[in-house]
Amino acid sequence: MNSVHEGGCLCGAIRYRVTGEPALSQVCHCTYCQRRTGSAFAIVVAFEEDQVEVLGTTLTQYEHRSDESHRWIRSHFCSRCGTTVLVTLERNPGVRVVSGGTFDDPGWFKINRHIWTRSAHDWIVFPPDVDTYEQGYVKLPRN
């Protein structure tokens, strides 16, 4: 039986449901993720598009072009409270990245790796049992 996990934005206008296990769960330390979250990094949990169901009002999106690859990254957020719920990437068609902190229970998935560690803050300590990548992109494992 597939596992089901739910989450949503801060105000509750956007809800979502994911089915099954993520393709990967990682922490991204790139400067874009730092700015879009207003934090030191982003927790990103990637699923195949058909594993994610969005419920509630329509998400608003903002498109950014990567400084390195020049490919687009789209943040999908609640127009009411501003919570970024999903991210889609030109580099990974058919994949939806869920913002890890928006899950009702954000402790159910395991972090597989840290990426863009060259942009990580000096005070970040990486767990010894998790892979780290100085630059970003690691090919998404596909079923």
N, C-alpha and C. Protein backbone atom coordinates (compact mmCIF):
# COMPACT_ATOMS: atom_id res chain seq x y z
N MET A 1 0.84 -1.19 0.00
CA MET A 1 0.00 0.00 0.00
C MET A 1 0.88 1.25 0.00
N ASN A 2 0.53 2.22 -0.83
CA ASN A 2 1.28 3.47 -0.89
C ASN A 2 1.03 4.33 0.33
N SER A 3 2.08 4.97 0.81
CA SER A 3 1.92 5.90 1.91
C SER A 3 1.36 7.22 1.36
N VAL A 4 0.57 7.91 2.18
CA VAL A 4 -0.01 9.18 1.81
C VAL A 4 0.37 10.20 2.87
N HIS A 5 0.86 11.36 2.42
CA HIS A 5 1.23 12.43 3.33
C HIS A 5 0.63 13.73 2.81
N GLU A 6 0.21 14.57 3.74
CA GLU A 6 -0.44 15.82 3.36
C GLU A 6 0.28 17.01 3.95
N GLY A 7 -0.03 18.16 3.37
CA GLY A 7 0.53 19.40 3.88
C GLY A 7 -0.18 20.58 3.25
N GLY A 8 0.38 21.76 3.49
CA GLY A 8 -0.24 22.95 2.93
C GLY A 8 0.48 24.22 3.34
N CYS A 9 -0.10 25.32 2.92
CA CYS A 9 0.48 26.63 3.20
C CYS A 9 0.12 27.08 4.62
N LEU A 10 0.68 28.18 5.01
CA LEU A 10 0.50 28.72 6.36
C LEU A 10 -0.96 29.05 6.66
N CYS A 11 -1.68 29.66 5.71
CA CYS A 11 -3.05 30.09 5.97
C CYS A 11 -4.08 28.99 5.72
N GLY A 12 -3.69 27.90 5.07
CA GLY A 12 -4.60 26.79 4.82
C GLY A 12 -5.37 26.87 3.51
N ALA A 13 -5.16 27.93 2.72
CA ALA A 13 -5.86 28.05 1.43
C ALA A 13 -5.39 27.01 0.42
N ILE A 14 -4.14 26.57 0.53
CA ILE A 14 -3.58 25.54 -0.34
C ILE A 14 -3.31 24.30 0.50
N ARG A 15 -3.79 23.18 0.01
CA ARG A 15 -3.50 21.88 0.62
C ARG A 15 -2.99 20.97 -0.49
N TYR A 16 -2.24 19.95 -0.12
CA TYR A 16 -1.77 18.98 -1.10
C TYR A 16 -1.67 17.62 -0.45
N ARG A 17 -1.59 16.61 -1.31
CA ARG A 17 -1.44 15.22 -0.87
C ARG A 17 -0.40 14.57 -1.78
N VAL A 18 0.55 13.87 -1.19
CA VAL A 18 1.51 13.09 -1.98
C VAL A 18 1.29 11.61 -1.67
N THR A 19 1.51 10.80 -2.69
CA THR A 19 1.34 9.36 -2.54
C THR A 19 2.65 8.68 -2.87
N GLY A 20 3.05 7.74 -2.03
CA GLY A 20 4.28 7.00 -2.26
C GLY A 20 5.49 7.70 -1.70
N GLU A 21 6.63 7.16 -2.02
CA GLU A 21 7.89 7.67 -1.51
C GLU A 21 8.49 8.70 -2.46
N PRO A 22 9.21 9.66 -1.93
CA PRO A 22 9.86 10.65 -2.80
C PRO A 22 11.01 10.02 -3.58
N ALA A 23 11.28 10.58 -4.76
CA ALA A 23 12.45 10.16 -5.54
C ALA A 23 13.72 10.55 -4.82
N LEU A 24 13.70 11.70 -4.17
CA LEU A 24 14.81 12.13 -3.32
C LEU A 24 14.34 13.21 -2.38
N SER A 25 15.07 13.34 -1.29
CA SER A 25 14.83 14.38 -0.30
C SER A 25 16.19 14.98 0.00
N GLN A 26 16.31 16.28 -0.23
CA GLN A 26 17.63 16.90 -0.06
C GLN A 26 17.52 18.29 0.53
N VAL A 27 18.65 18.78 0.98
CA VAL A 27 18.77 20.15 1.46
C VAL A 27 19.57 20.91 0.42
N CYS A 28 19.02 22.03 -0.04
CA CYS A 28 19.70 22.85 -1.04
C CYS A 28 20.21 24.14 -0.39
N HIS A 29 21.49 24.40 -0.56
CA HIS A 29 22.13 25.57 0.03
C HIS A 29 22.41 26.66 -1.00
N CYS A 30 21.82 26.57 -2.21
CA CYS A 30 22.08 27.58 -3.24
C CYS A 30 21.54 28.95 -2.79
N THR A 31 22.09 29.99 -3.37
CA THR A 31 21.67 31.33 -2.97
C THR A 31 20.22 31.61 -3.37
N TYR A 32 19.74 31.00 -4.45
CA TYR A 32 18.33 31.17 -4.82
C TYR A 32 17.43 30.61 -3.73
N CYS A 33 17.69 29.41 -3.27
CA CYS A 33 16.86 28.82 -2.22
C CYS A 33 16.97 29.61 -0.92
N GLN A 34 18.15 30.14 -0.63
CA GLN A 34 18.29 30.97 0.56
C GLN A 34 17.39 32.19 0.46
N ARG A 35 17.35 32.81 -0.70
CA ARG A 35 16.52 34.01 -0.88
C ARG A 35 15.03 33.69 -0.92
N ARG A 36 14.65 32.61 -1.62
CA ARG A 36 13.22 32.32 -1.75
C ARG A 36 12.61 31.85 -0.44
N THR A 37 13.42 31.27 0.43
CA THR A 37 12.90 30.82 1.73
C THR A 37 13.14 31.84 2.84
N GLY A 38 14.10 32.76 2.63
CA GLY A 38 14.47 33.68 3.69
C GLY A 38 15.20 32.96 4.81
N SER A 39 15.85 31.85 4.48
CA SER A 39 16.53 31.02 5.47
C SER A 39 17.91 30.63 4.96
N ALA A 40 18.56 29.74 5.67
CA ALA A 40 19.90 29.31 5.31
C ALA A 40 19.93 28.27 4.20
N PHE A 41 18.80 27.61 3.99
CA PHE A 41 18.71 26.55 2.98
C PHE A 41 17.25 26.20 2.76
N ALA A 42 17.00 25.31 1.82
CA ALA A 42 15.65 24.81 1.57
C ALA A 42 15.66 23.29 1.68
N ILE A 43 14.59 22.75 2.22
CA ILE A 43 14.39 21.31 2.24
C ILE A 43 13.47 21.00 1.07
N VAL A 44 13.98 20.24 0.10
CA VAL A 44 13.22 19.94 -1.10
C VAL A 44 13.00 18.43 -1.22
N VAL A 45 11.75 18.06 -1.45
CA VAL A 45 11.34 16.66 -1.51
C VAL A 45 10.69 16.44 -2.87
N ALA A 46 11.34 15.65 -3.73
CA ALA A 46 10.93 15.51 -5.13
C ALA A 46 10.07 14.27 -5.35
N PHE A 47 8.99 14.48 -6.12
CA PHE A 47 8.05 13.42 -6.49
C PHE A 47 7.77 13.48 -7.98
N GLU A 48 7.37 12.36 -8.55
CA GLU A 48 6.83 12.37 -9.90
C GLU A 48 5.53 13.17 -9.85
N GLU A 49 5.24 13.86 -10.94
CA GLU A 49 4.08 14.74 -11.00
C GLU A 49 2.78 14.05 -10.61
N ASP A 50 2.60 12.79 -11.05
CA ASP A 50 1.35 12.08 -10.75
C ASP A 50 1.23 11.63 -9.30
N GLN A 51 2.27 11.83 -8.51
CA GLN A 51 2.22 11.50 -7.08
C GLN A 51 1.74 12.69 -6.23
N VAL A 52 1.56 13.86 -6.84
CA VAL A 52 1.22 15.08 -6.10
C VAL A 52 -0.14 15.59 -6.56
N GLU A 53 -1.03 15.78 -5.60
CA GLU A 53 -2.35 16.34 -5.88
C GLU A 53 -2.49 17.63 -5.08
N VAL A 54 -2.76 18.74 -5.77
CA VAL A 54 -2.92 20.03 -5.11
C VAL A 54 -4.41 20.30 -4.94
N LEU A 55 -4.78 20.71 -3.74
CA LEU A 55 -6.17 20.98 -3.40
C LEU A 55 -6.29 22.43 -2.94
N GLY A 56 -7.43 23.03 -3.08
CA GLY A 56 -7.62 24.40 -2.62
C GLY A 56 -7.52 25.39 -3.75
N THR A 57 -7.21 26.63 -3.42
CA THR A 57 -7.16 27.68 -4.42
C THR A 57 -5.96 27.49 -5.35
N THR A 58 -5.92 28.26 -6.41
CA THR A 58 -4.85 28.17 -7.40
C THR A 58 -3.55 28.75 -6.86
N LEU A 59 -2.46 28.09 -7.14
CA LEU A 59 -1.14 28.59 -6.75
C LEU A 59 -0.70 29.69 -7.72
N THR A 60 -0.02 30.69 -7.20
CA THR A 60 0.61 31.72 -8.00
C THR A 60 2.03 31.27 -8.25
N GLN A 61 2.63 31.68 -9.37
CA GLN A 61 4.00 31.25 -9.63
C GLN A 61 4.91 32.41 -9.98
N TYR A 62 6.18 32.19 -9.67
CA TYR A 62 7.23 33.14 -10.01
C TYR A 62 8.32 32.36 -10.70
N GLU A 63 8.79 32.84 -11.86
CA GLU A 63 9.85 32.15 -12.60
C GLU A 63 11.16 32.90 -12.46
N HIS A 64 12.19 32.15 -12.12
CA HIS A 64 13.55 32.67 -11.96
C HIS A 64 14.46 31.91 -12.92
N ARG A 65 15.44 32.58 -13.49
CA ARG A 65 16.45 31.91 -14.32
C ARG A 65 17.71 31.70 -13.49
N SER A 66 18.20 30.50 -13.49
CA SER A 66 19.41 30.16 -12.73
C SER A 66 20.60 30.96 -13.23
N ASP A 67 21.40 31.45 -12.31
CA ASP A 67 22.63 32.17 -12.66
C ASP A 67 23.64 31.24 -13.34
N GLU A 68 23.61 29.96 -13.01
CA GLU A 68 24.60 29.01 -13.53
C GLU A 68 24.13 28.35 -14.83
N SER A 69 22.94 27.77 -14.82
CA SER A 69 22.47 27.00 -15.98
C SER A 69 21.61 27.81 -16.94
N HIS A 70 21.07 28.91 -16.46
CA HIS A 70 20.15 29.77 -17.21
C HIS A 70 18.81 29.08 -17.51
N ARG A 71 18.54 27.99 -16.83
CA ARG A 71 17.25 27.32 -16.96
C ARG A 71 16.29 27.90 -15.93
N TRP A 72 14.98 27.75 -16.21
CA TRP A 72 14.01 28.32 -15.29
C TRP A 72 13.75 27.42 -14.09
N ILE A 73 13.40 28.10 -13.01
CA ILE A 73 12.95 27.47 -11.76
C ILE A 73 11.67 28.21 -11.41
N ARG A 74 10.58 27.49 -11.21
CA ARG A 74 9.31 28.14 -10.88
C ARG A 74 8.92 27.82 -9.43
N SER A 75 8.72 28.86 -8.66
CA SER A 75 8.19 28.73 -7.31
C SER A 75 6.67 28.88 -7.40
N HIS A 76 5.95 27.95 -6.80
CA HIS A 76 4.49 27.98 -6.79
C HIS A 76 4.07 28.25 -5.35
N PHE A 77 3.37 29.36 -5.14
CA PHE A 77 3.10 29.81 -3.78
C PHE A 77 1.66 30.27 -3.60
N CYS A 78 1.24 30.34 -2.36
CA CYS A 78 -0.09 30.80 -2.01
C CYS A 78 -0.14 32.32 -2.18
N SER A 79 -1.12 32.80 -2.93
CA SER A 79 -1.23 34.24 -3.15
C SER A 79 -1.73 34.97 -1.90
N ARG A 80 -2.26 34.24 -0.96
CA ARG A 80 -2.78 34.86 0.27
C ARG A 80 -1.69 35.03 1.33
N CYS A 81 -0.94 33.95 1.64
CA CYS A 81 0.06 34.03 2.72
C CYS A 81 1.50 34.02 2.22
N GLY A 82 1.72 33.70 0.94
CA GLY A 82 3.06 33.73 0.35
C GLY A 82 3.89 32.48 0.54
N THR A 83 3.35 31.45 1.16
CA THR A 83 4.12 30.21 1.37
C THR A 83 4.43 29.53 0.05
N THR A 84 5.73 29.28 -0.22
CA THR A 84 6.11 28.48 -1.38
C THR A 84 5.84 27.02 -1.04
N VAL A 85 4.92 26.42 -1.79
CA VAL A 85 4.50 25.04 -1.53
C VAL A 85 5.23 24.08 -2.46
N LEU A 86 5.36 24.45 -3.74
CA LEU A 86 5.98 23.59 -4.74
C LEU A 86 7.01 24.37 -5.55
N VAL A 87 7.92 23.62 -6.15
CA VAL A 87 8.89 24.18 -7.09
C VAL A 87 8.94 23.22 -8.27
N THR A 88 8.98 23.77 -9.48
CA THR A 88 9.21 22.96 -10.66
C THR A 88 10.45 23.50 -11.37
N LEU A 89 11.15 22.59 -12.06
CA LEU A 89 12.41 22.95 -12.68
C LEU A 89 12.41 22.54 -14.15
N GLU A 90 12.90 23.42 -14.99
CA GLU A 90 13.02 23.10 -16.41
C GLU A 90 13.84 21.83 -16.60
N ARG A 91 14.84 21.65 -15.77
CA ARG A 91 15.75 20.52 -15.87
C ARG A 91 15.08 19.18 -15.55
N ASN A 92 13.98 19.21 -14.83
CA ASN A 92 13.30 17.97 -14.42
C ASN A 92 11.82 18.00 -14.80
N PRO A 93 11.49 17.91 -16.08
CA PRO A 93 10.07 17.90 -16.46
C PRO A 93 9.37 16.70 -15.84
N GLY A 94 8.11 16.91 -15.44
CA GLY A 94 7.33 15.82 -14.86
C GLY A 94 7.59 15.59 -13.39
N VAL A 95 8.38 16.46 -12.77
CA VAL A 95 8.71 16.33 -11.35
C VAL A 95 8.18 17.54 -10.61
N ARG A 96 7.63 17.31 -9.43
CA ARG A 96 7.23 18.38 -8.54
C ARG A 96 8.03 18.27 -7.26
N VAL A 97 8.61 19.39 -6.88
CA VAL A 97 9.38 19.46 -5.64
C VAL A 97 8.49 20.10 -4.59
N VAL A 98 8.30 19.41 -3.49
CA VAL A 98 7.50 19.93 -2.39
C VAL A 98 8.45 20.57 -1.37
N SER A 99 8.09 21.74 -0.88
CA SER A 99 8.86 22.38 0.19
C SER A 99 8.66 21.57 1.46
N GLY A 100 9.74 20.98 1.95
CA GLY A 100 9.68 20.02 3.05
C GLY A 100 9.01 20.51 4.31
N GLY A 101 9.16 21.78 4.62
CA GLY A 101 8.57 22.33 5.83
C GLY A 101 7.07 22.51 5.77
N THR A 102 6.46 22.30 4.60
CA THR A 102 5.01 22.48 4.47
C THR A 102 4.22 21.21 4.74
N PHE A 103 4.91 20.07 4.93
CA PHE A 103 4.19 18.84 5.28
C PHE A 103 3.60 18.97 6.67
N ASP A 104 2.43 18.39 6.88
CA ASP A 104 1.82 18.38 8.22
C ASP A 104 2.77 17.71 9.22
N ASP A 105 3.42 16.65 8.77
CA ASP A 105 4.46 15.98 9.57
C ASP A 105 5.74 16.01 8.75
N PRO A 106 6.58 17.03 8.96
CA PRO A 106 7.79 17.14 8.14
C PRO A 106 8.91 16.18 8.54
N GLY A 107 8.64 15.28 9.46
CA GLY A 107 9.67 14.34 9.89
C GLY A 107 9.57 12.97 9.27
N TRP A 108 8.68 12.76 8.31
CA TRP A 108 8.46 11.42 7.78
C TRP A 108 9.48 11.00 6.72
N PHE A 109 10.14 11.95 6.07
CA PHE A 109 11.09 11.60 5.02
C PHE A 109 12.53 11.75 5.54
N LYS A 110 13.44 11.06 4.88
CA LYS A 110 14.85 11.09 5.27
C LYS A 110 15.63 11.90 4.24
N ILE A 111 16.48 12.81 4.71
CA ILE A 111 17.31 13.62 3.82
C ILE A 111 18.40 12.73 3.22
N ASN A 112 18.49 12.69 1.87
CA ASN A 112 19.46 11.86 1.16
C ASN A 112 20.79 12.57 0.91
N ARG A 113 20.74 13.91 0.76
CA ARG A 113 21.95 14.64 0.35
C ARG A 113 21.80 16.13 0.62
N HIS A 114 22.94 16.79 0.61
CA HIS A 114 23.00 18.26 0.66
C HIS A 114 23.66 18.70 -0.64
N ILE A 115 23.04 19.70 -1.32
CA ILE A 115 23.60 20.19 -2.58
C ILE A 115 23.92 21.68 -2.47
N TRP A 116 24.75 22.14 -3.40
CA TRP A 116 25.25 23.52 -3.43
C TRP A 116 25.90 23.89 -2.11
N THR A 117 26.69 22.97 -1.59
CA THR A 117 27.34 23.22 -0.30
C THR A 117 28.37 24.33 -0.37
N ARG A 118 28.84 24.68 -1.56
CA ARG A 118 29.79 25.79 -1.68
C ARG A 118 29.14 27.11 -1.27
N SER A 119 27.81 27.17 -1.27
CA SER A 119 27.08 28.37 -0.85
C SER A 119 26.57 28.27 0.59
N ALA A 120 26.87 27.17 1.26
CA ALA A 120 26.37 26.98 2.63
C ALA A 120 27.04 27.96 3.58
N HIS A 121 26.30 28.34 4.60
CA HIS A 121 26.85 29.22 5.63
C HIS A 121 27.93 28.50 6.42
N ASP A 122 28.88 29.25 6.93
CA ASP A 122 30.02 28.68 7.66
C ASP A 122 29.62 27.85 8.87
N TRP A 123 28.50 28.15 9.46
CA TRP A 123 28.09 27.48 10.69
C TRP A 123 27.30 26.18 10.45
N ILE A 124 27.06 25.85 9.18
CA ILE A 124 26.35 24.60 8.86
C ILE A 124 27.30 23.42 9.08
N VAL A 125 26.81 22.40 9.77
CA VAL A 125 27.56 21.17 9.99
C VAL A 125 26.78 20.05 9.27
N PHE A 126 27.44 19.39 8.34
CA PHE A 126 26.79 18.35 7.56
C PHE A 126 26.87 17.02 8.29
N PRO A 127 25.77 16.26 8.32
CA PRO A 127 25.81 14.94 8.95
C PRO A 127 26.81 14.04 8.22
N PRO A 128 27.58 13.25 8.95
CA PRO A 128 28.61 12.41 8.30
C PRO A 128 28.04 11.31 7.41
N ASP A 129 26.79 10.92 7.60
CA ASP A 129 26.21 9.82 6.85
C ASP A 129 25.37 10.27 5.64
N VAL A 130 25.46 11.55 5.26
CA VAL A 130 24.69 12.08 4.14
C VAL A 130 25.65 12.62 3.08
N ASP A 131 25.37 12.30 1.81
CA ASP A 131 26.21 12.77 0.71
C ASP A 131 26.11 14.28 0.58
N THR A 132 27.24 14.91 0.23
CA THR A 132 27.26 16.36 -0.01
C THR A 132 27.86 16.62 -1.38
N TYR A 133 27.35 17.67 -2.03
CA TYR A 133 27.79 18.03 -3.36
C TYR A 133 28.07 19.53 -3.38
N GLU A 134 29.29 19.89 -3.75
CA GLU A 134 29.69 21.29 -3.78
C GLU A 134 28.82 22.10 -4.72
N GLN A 135 28.51 21.51 -5.87
CA GLN A 135 27.59 22.16 -6.80
C GLN A 135 26.27 21.43 -6.72
N GLY A 136 25.39 21.81 -7.61
CA GLY A 136 24.03 21.42 -7.36
C GLY A 136 23.51 20.17 -7.95
N TYR A 137 23.45 20.12 -9.20
CA TYR A 137 22.56 19.15 -9.79
C TYR A 137 23.05 17.72 -9.67
N VAL A 138 22.18 16.91 -9.16
CA VAL A 138 22.38 15.47 -9.13
C VAL A 138 21.19 14.88 -9.86
N LYS A 139 21.43 14.06 -10.86
CA LYS A 139 20.35 13.52 -11.67
C LYS A 139 19.32 12.84 -10.80
N LEU A 140 18.08 13.19 -11.05
CA LEU A 140 16.97 12.63 -10.30
C LEU A 140 16.76 11.18 -10.67
N PRO A 141 16.77 10.28 -9.68
CA PRO A 141 16.50 8.88 -10.01
C PRO A 141 15.07 8.72 -10.47
N ARG A 142 14.84 8.07 -11.58
CA ARG A 142 13.48 7.89 -12.12
C ARG A 142 13.11 6.43 -12.04
N ASN A 143 11.84 6.19 -11.79
CA ASN A 143 11.33 4.80 -11.72
C ASN A 143 11.34 4.15 -13.07
